[in-house]
């Protein structure tokens, strides 16, 4: 799988979940804030990942929404 040249639009909305309604990966463990997803390129052959970053405490979770396809 090649991800070279992939552009992520600024208005892209990403929804990730396991179907249980448990979205703790979005919540900062330090302050309880619901954090915004930030897509990023994980590198050649590794595809796209989504980081959840608290503005105050930084990255606290990284999710691979396409893990089941690799």
C-alpha atoms as a PDB file:
ATOM      1  CA  UNK A   1       0.000   0.000   0.000  1.00  0.00           C
ATOM      2  CA  UNK A   2       1.477   3.317  -1.046  1.00  0.00           C
ATOM      3  CA  UNK A   3       0.452   6.514   0.679  1.00  0.00           C
ATOM      4  CA  UNK A   4       2.929   8.829  -1.018  1.00  0.00           C
ATOM      5  CA  UNK A   5       1.316  12.074  -2.073  1.00  0.00           C
ATOM      6  CA  UNK A   6      -1.790  11.678   0.090  1.00  0.00           C
ATOM      7  CA  UNK A   7      -3.350  15.029   0.910  1.00  0.00           C
ATOM      8  CA  UNK A   8      -5.636  15.337   3.939  1.00  0.00           C
ATOM      9  CA  UNK A   9      -8.240  18.109   3.507  1.00  0.00           C
ATOM     10  CA  UNK A  10      -8.533  20.639   6.346  1.00  0.00           C
ATOM     11  CA  UNK A  11     -12.289  20.039   6.635  1.00  0.00           C
ATOM     12  CA  UNK A  12     -11.987  16.225   6.879  1.00  0.00           C
ATOM     13  CA  UNK A  13     -14.130  14.786   9.665  1.00  0.00           C
ATOM     14  CA  UNK A  14     -12.925  11.470  11.076  1.00  0.00           C
ATOM     15  CA  UNK A  15     -15.105   9.255  13.202  1.00  0.00           C
ATOM     16  CA  UNK A  16     -13.484   6.264  14.843  1.00  0.00           C
ATOM     17  CA  UNK A  17     -15.163   3.869  17.213  1.00  0.00           C
ATOM     18  CA  UNK A  18     -15.523   0.220  18.054  1.00  0.00           C
ATOM     19  CA  UNK A  19     -19.322   0.276  18.047  1.00  0.00           C
ATOM     20  CA  UNK A  20     -19.637   0.071  21.838  1.00  0.00           C
ATOM     21  CA  UNK A  21     -19.989   3.791  22.391  1.00  0.00           C
ATOM     22  CA  UNK A  22     -16.767   3.779  24.436  1.00  0.00           C
ATOM     23  CA  UNK A  23     -14.765   6.699  23.131  1.00  0.00           C
ATOM     24  CA  UNK A  24     -12.270   7.034  25.982  1.00  0.00           C
ATOM     25  CA  UNK A  25      -9.456   7.320  23.417  1.00  0.00           C
ATOM     26  CA  UNK A  26     -10.809  10.838  22.700  1.00  0.00           C
ATOM     27  CA  UNK A  27     -10.713  11.963  26.330  1.00  0.00           C
ATOM     28  CA  UNK A  28      -7.593  13.461  27.931  1.00  0.00           C
ATOM     29  CA  UNK A  29      -6.810  11.478  31.079  1.00  0.00           C
ATOM     30  CA  UNK A  30      -5.308  14.570  32.719  1.00  0.00           C
ATOM     31  CA  UNK A  31      -8.196  17.048  32.372  1.00  0.00           C
ATOM     32  CA  UNK A  32     -11.117  15.090  30.873  1.00  0.00           C
ATOM     33  CA  UNK A  33     -11.315  17.288  27.772  1.00  0.00           C
ATOM     34  CA  UNK A  34     -12.756  15.786  24.550  1.00  0.00           C
ATOM     35  CA  UNK A  35      -9.869  16.128  22.123  1.00  0.00           C
ATOM     36  CA  UNK A  36      -9.886  16.877  18.411  1.00  0.00           C
ATOM     37  CA  UNK A  37      -8.662  14.184  15.985  1.00  0.00           C
ATOM     38  CA  UNK A  38      -5.593  15.122  13.937  1.00  0.00           C
ATOM     39  CA  UNK A  39      -4.855  12.849  10.942  1.00  0.00           C
ATOM     40  CA  UNK A  40      -1.187  12.364  10.051  1.00  0.00           C
ATOM     41  CA  UNK A  41       0.959  10.283   7.724  1.00  0.00           C
ATOM     42  CA  UNK A  42       2.723   7.580   9.762  1.00  0.00           C
ATOM     43  CA  UNK A  43       5.341   7.026   7.083  1.00  0.00           C
ATOM     44  CA  UNK A  44       5.903   4.944   3.986  1.00  0.00           C
ATOM     45  CA  UNK A  45       4.044   1.653   4.230  1.00  0.00           C
ATOM     46  CA  UNK A  46       2.439   2.515   7.558  1.00  0.00           C
ATOM     47  CA  UNK A  47      -0.462   4.585   6.217  1.00  0.00           C
ATOM     48  CA  UNK A  48      -2.553   7.141   8.023  1.00  0.00           C
ATOM     49  CA  UNK A  49      -3.026   7.394  11.790  1.00  0.00           C
ATOM     50  CA  UNK A  50      -5.212   9.681  13.880  1.00  0.00           C
ATOM     51  CA  UNK A  51      -3.734  11.388  16.935  1.00  0.00           C
ATOM     52  CA  UNK A  52      -5.917  12.803  19.698  1.00  0.00           C
ATOM     53  CA  UNK A  53      -4.178  15.807  21.235  1.00  0.00           C
ATOM     54  CA  UNK A  54      -5.175  17.851  24.229  1.00  0.00           C
ATOM     55  CA  UNK A  55      -4.265  21.524  23.690  1.00  0.00           C
ATOM     56  CA  UNK A  56      -2.914  21.631  27.241  1.00  0.00           C
ATOM     57  CA  UNK A  57      -1.344  18.154  27.680  1.00  0.00           C
ATOM     58  CA  UNK A  58      -0.398  17.065  24.139  1.00  0.00           C
ATOM     59  CA  UNK A  59      -0.923  13.745  22.341  1.00  0.00           C
ATOM     60  CA  UNK A  60      -2.550  11.066  24.489  1.00  0.00           C
ATOM     61  CA  UNK A  61      -3.875   8.521  21.952  1.00  0.00           C
ATOM     62  CA  UNK A  62      -3.067   7.367  18.421  1.00  0.00           C
ATOM     63  CA  UNK A  63      -5.583   5.284  16.471  1.00  0.00           C
ATOM     64  CA  UNK A  64      -5.139   3.320  13.231  1.00  0.00           C
ATOM     65  CA  UNK A  65      -8.619   3.396  11.666  1.00  0.00           C
ATOM     66  CA  UNK A  66      -7.535   1.002   8.901  1.00  0.00           C
ATOM     67  CA  UNK A  67      -5.716  -1.558  11.077  1.00  0.00           C
ATOM     68  CA  UNK A  68      -8.243  -4.269  10.197  1.00  0.00           C
ATOM     69  CA  UNK A  69      -7.351  -3.860   6.493  1.00  0.00           C
ATOM     70  CA  UNK A  70      -3.592  -4.423   6.870  1.00  0.00           C
END
